[in-house]
Amino acid sequence: MAGEAVSRVLKRSINIGGHKTSISLEDEFWNCLKEIAGERGISLGAMIEGIDGGRKHANVSSAIRLFVLGVYRDQLASWGRH
């Protein structure tokens, strides 16, 4: 599949509520999560703890992807494009 962008999935060690764990996320999702945390004026750790506390999915990595997708979907909807 020549010409397609390849996104690396990296395993990252994080601390959630005092417990060490790891998540596997593509660079794009990780960078977007950092951007969202910065825009909201909170730490990346606090952002991840909030996502983890409210997740309805089996793993944190999936919850983070869906959170990032939701933020950008909401942004598009606020611009009148959904």
N, C-alpha and C. Protein backbone atom coordinates (compact mmCIF):
# COMPACT_ATOMS: atom_id res chain seq x y z
N MET A 1 0.84 -1.18 0.00
CA MET A 1 0.00 0.00 0.00
C MET A 1 0.88 1.24 0.00
N ALA A 2 1.46 1.51 -1.08
CA ALA A 2 2.38 2.63 -1.22
C ALA A 2 1.65 3.95 -1.05
N GLY A 3 2.32 4.89 -0.42
CA GLY A 3 1.77 6.22 -0.29
C GLY A 3 0.91 6.43 0.94
N GLU A 4 0.56 5.37 1.67
CA GLU A 4 -0.26 5.52 2.86
C GLU A 4 0.60 5.87 4.06
N ALA A 5 0.09 6.74 4.89
CA ALA A 5 0.81 7.12 6.11
C ALA A 5 0.72 5.97 7.10
N VAL A 6 1.81 5.73 7.78
CA VAL A 6 1.85 4.68 8.78
C VAL A 6 1.99 5.35 10.14
N SER A 7 1.08 5.03 11.03
CA SER A 7 1.11 5.60 12.36
C SER A 7 1.69 4.57 13.32
N ARG A 8 2.71 4.99 14.05
CA ARG A 8 3.33 4.08 15.01
C ARG A 8 2.50 4.04 16.28
N VAL A 9 2.30 2.84 16.78
CA VAL A 9 1.66 2.66 18.08
C VAL A 9 2.77 2.46 19.09
N LEU A 10 2.85 3.35 20.06
CA LEU A 10 3.88 3.28 21.08
C LEU A 10 3.27 2.95 22.43
N LYS A 11 3.97 2.14 23.18
CA LYS A 11 3.57 1.83 24.54
C LYS A 11 4.20 2.87 25.45
N ARG A 12 3.37 3.49 26.27
CA ARG A 12 3.84 4.53 27.18
C ARG A 12 3.49 4.15 28.61
N SER A 13 4.42 4.34 29.52
CA SER A 13 4.17 4.08 30.94
C SER A 13 3.57 5.33 31.57
N ILE A 14 2.49 5.16 32.30
CA ILE A 14 1.83 6.27 32.95
C ILE A 14 1.43 5.87 34.36
N ASN A 15 1.06 6.86 35.15
CA ASN A 15 0.63 6.64 36.52
C ASN A 15 -0.81 7.14 36.62
N ILE A 16 -1.73 6.24 36.98
CA ILE A 16 -3.13 6.62 37.11
C ILE A 16 -3.55 6.34 38.55
N GLY A 17 -3.84 7.38 39.27
CA GLY A 17 -4.29 7.22 40.65
C GLY A 17 -3.30 6.47 41.53
N GLY A 18 -2.02 6.70 41.29
CA GLY A 18 -0.99 6.05 42.09
C GLY A 18 -0.61 4.66 41.63
N HIS A 19 -1.19 4.21 40.53
CA HIS A 19 -0.88 2.89 40.00
C HIS A 19 -0.19 3.02 38.65
N LYS A 20 0.95 2.36 38.51
CA LYS A 20 1.65 2.38 37.23
C LYS A 20 0.96 1.42 36.26
N THR A 21 0.83 1.88 35.04
CA THR A 21 0.26 1.05 33.99
C THR A 21 0.85 1.52 32.67
N SER A 22 0.51 0.85 31.61
CA SER A 22 0.98 1.29 30.30
C SER A 22 -0.20 1.35 29.35
N ILE A 23 -0.08 2.26 28.40
CA ILE A 23 -1.09 2.39 27.35
C ILE A 23 -0.38 2.32 26.01
N SER A 24 -1.09 1.84 25.03
CA SER A 24 -0.57 1.78 23.66
C SER A 24 -1.41 2.71 22.81
N LEU A 25 -0.76 3.77 22.31
CA LEU A 25 -1.47 4.77 21.51
C LEU A 25 -0.63 5.19 20.32
N GLU A 26 -1.31 5.51 19.24
CA GLU A 26 -0.65 6.08 18.08
C GLU A 26 -0.16 7.48 18.45
N ASP A 27 0.93 7.89 17.82
CA ASP A 27 1.48 9.22 18.06
C ASP A 27 0.43 10.32 17.90
N GLU A 28 -0.41 10.20 16.88
CA GLU A 28 -1.40 11.24 16.61
C GLU A 28 -2.35 11.41 17.79
N PHE A 29 -2.82 10.30 18.36
CA PHE A 29 -3.73 10.40 19.50
C PHE A 29 -3.01 10.96 20.72
N TRP A 30 -1.78 10.54 20.95
CA TRP A 30 -1.00 11.04 22.09
C TRP A 30 -0.79 12.55 21.96
N ASN A 31 -0.42 13.01 20.78
CA ASN A 31 -0.18 14.44 20.56
C ASN A 31 -1.46 15.24 20.71
N CYS A 32 -2.57 14.71 20.21
CA CYS A 32 -3.86 15.40 20.37
C CYS A 32 -4.26 15.48 21.83
N LEU A 33 -4.03 14.40 22.57
CA LEU A 33 -4.37 14.39 23.99
C LEU A 33 -3.57 15.45 24.74
N LYS A 34 -2.29 15.57 24.43
CA LYS A 34 -1.45 16.60 25.06
C LYS A 34 -1.97 17.99 24.69
N GLU A 35 -2.36 18.17 23.45
CA GLU A 35 -2.88 19.47 23.01
C GLU A 35 -4.17 19.83 23.75
N ILE A 36 -5.06 18.87 23.88
CA ILE A 36 -6.34 19.11 24.57
C ILE A 36 -6.08 19.46 26.03
N ALA A 37 -5.19 18.72 26.69
CA ALA A 37 -4.86 19.01 28.09
C ALA A 37 -4.30 20.43 28.22
N GLY A 38 -3.42 20.81 27.31
CA GLY A 38 -2.86 22.15 27.34
C GLY A 38 -3.91 23.22 27.15
N GLU A 39 -4.82 23.00 26.22
CA GLU A 39 -5.90 23.97 25.98
C GLU A 39 -6.80 24.11 27.19
N ARG A 40 -6.96 23.03 27.95
CA ARG A 40 -7.82 23.06 29.14
C ARG A 40 -7.06 23.48 30.39
N GLY A 41 -5.75 23.65 30.26
CA GLY A 41 -4.95 24.10 31.39
C GLY A 41 -4.77 23.07 32.48
N ILE A 42 -4.77 21.80 32.11
CA ILE A 42 -4.56 20.74 33.09
C ILE A 42 -3.41 19.85 32.64
N SER A 43 -2.87 19.11 33.57
CA SER A 43 -1.76 18.23 33.24
C SER A 43 -2.25 17.03 32.44
N LEU A 44 -1.35 16.45 31.71
CA LEU A 44 -1.69 15.24 30.95
C LEU A 44 -2.14 14.13 31.89
N GLY A 45 -1.46 14.02 33.04
CA GLY A 45 -1.84 13.00 34.02
C GLY A 45 -3.25 13.18 34.53
N ALA A 46 -3.61 14.43 34.82
CA ALA A 46 -4.96 14.72 35.30
C ALA A 46 -5.99 14.41 34.21
N MET A 47 -5.65 14.71 32.97
CA MET A 47 -6.54 14.42 31.85
C MET A 47 -6.79 12.91 31.75
N ILE A 48 -5.72 12.14 31.82
CA ILE A 48 -5.84 10.69 31.70
C ILE A 48 -6.61 10.11 32.89
N GLU A 49 -6.36 10.62 34.10
CA GLU A 49 -7.11 10.14 35.27
C GLU A 49 -8.60 10.41 35.10
N GLY A 50 -8.96 11.57 34.56
CA GLY A 50 -10.36 11.88 34.32
C GLY A 50 -10.99 10.95 33.30
N ILE A 51 -10.27 10.67 32.24
CA ILE A 51 -10.77 9.75 31.22
C ILE A 51 -10.93 8.36 31.81
N ASP A 52 -9.94 7.93 32.58
CA ASP A 52 -9.99 6.60 33.19
C ASP A 52 -11.15 6.49 34.16
N GLY A 53 -11.40 7.53 34.94
CA GLY A 53 -12.48 7.50 35.92
C GLY A 53 -13.86 7.41 35.30
N GLY A 54 -14.00 7.93 34.10
CA GLY A 54 -15.31 7.93 33.45
C GLY A 54 -15.46 6.95 32.31
N ARG A 55 -14.49 6.06 32.16
CA ARG A 55 -14.53 5.19 30.98
C ARG A 55 -15.57 4.09 31.09
N LYS A 56 -16.10 3.73 29.93
CA LYS A 56 -17.08 2.66 29.82
C LYS A 56 -16.55 1.54 28.94
N HIS A 57 -15.25 1.56 28.71
CA HIS A 57 -14.62 0.61 27.80
C HIS A 57 -13.60 -0.21 28.56
N ALA A 58 -13.23 -1.33 27.98
CA ALA A 58 -12.38 -2.31 28.65
C ALA A 58 -10.99 -1.79 28.97
N ASN A 59 -10.44 -0.91 28.14
CA ASN A 59 -9.08 -0.46 28.41
C ASN A 59 -8.92 1.05 28.24
N VAL A 60 -7.92 1.57 28.90
CA VAL A 60 -7.68 3.01 28.90
C VAL A 60 -7.32 3.52 27.51
N SER A 61 -6.55 2.74 26.76
CA SER A 61 -6.14 3.18 25.41
C SER A 61 -7.35 3.45 24.53
N SER A 62 -8.32 2.54 24.55
CA SER A 62 -9.54 2.74 23.76
C SER A 62 -10.32 3.96 24.25
N ALA A 63 -10.40 4.11 25.58
CA ALA A 63 -11.12 5.24 26.14
C ALA A 63 -10.48 6.56 25.72
N ILE A 64 -9.15 6.60 25.68
CA ILE A 64 -8.46 7.83 25.26
C ILE A 64 -8.75 8.13 23.79
N ARG A 65 -8.69 7.12 22.94
CA ARG A 65 -8.99 7.34 21.52
C ARG A 65 -10.40 7.89 21.34
N LEU A 66 -11.37 7.30 22.04
CA LEU A 66 -12.75 7.76 21.91
C LEU A 66 -12.94 9.15 22.50
N PHE A 67 -12.22 9.46 23.57
CA PHE A 67 -12.27 10.81 24.14
C PHE A 67 -11.77 11.85 23.13
N VAL A 68 -10.60 11.58 22.54
CA VAL A 68 -10.03 12.52 21.56
C VAL A 68 -10.98 12.68 20.38
N LEU A 69 -11.51 11.58 19.88
CA LEU A 69 -12.46 11.64 18.77
C LEU A 69 -13.67 12.50 19.17
N GLY A 70 -14.17 12.29 20.38
CA GLY A 70 -15.33 13.05 20.85
C GLY A 70 -15.06 14.54 20.94
N VAL A 71 -13.87 14.91 21.40
CA VAL A 71 -13.52 16.34 21.50
C VAL A 71 -13.56 16.98 20.12
N TYR A 72 -12.97 16.32 19.15
CA TYR A 72 -12.93 16.90 17.80
C TYR A 72 -14.28 16.84 17.10
N ARG A 73 -15.08 15.83 17.39
CA ARG A 73 -16.44 15.79 16.83
C ARG A 73 -17.27 16.94 17.39
N ASP A 74 -17.13 17.18 18.71
CA ASP A 74 -17.86 18.29 19.33
C ASP A 74 -17.42 19.62 18.74
N GLN A 75 -16.12 19.73 18.47
CA GLN A 75 -15.59 20.96 17.88
C GLN A 75 -16.19 21.20 16.50
N LEU A 76 -16.26 20.15 15.70
CA LEU A 76 -16.87 20.28 14.37
C LEU A 76 -18.35 20.65 14.47
N ALA A 77 -19.05 20.03 15.41
CA ALA A 77 -20.47 20.32 15.58
C ALA A 77 -20.68 21.79 16.00
N SER A 78 -19.76 22.31 16.82
CA SER A 78 -19.90 23.70 17.24
C SER A 78 -19.66 24.67 16.09
N TRP A 79 -18.95 24.19 15.07
CA TRP A 79 -18.72 25.00 13.88
C TRP A 79 -19.85 24.82 12.86
N GLY A 80 -20.83 23.98 13.20
CA GLY A 80 -21.95 23.74 12.31
C GLY A 80 -21.71 22.66 11.28
N ARG A 81 -20.68 21.85 11.49
CA ARG A 81 -20.39 20.74 10.57
C ARG A 81 -20.41 19.44 11.33
N HIS A 82 -21.37 18.62 11.06
CA HIS A 82 -21.43 17.32 11.73
C HIS A 82 -21.86 16.33 10.76
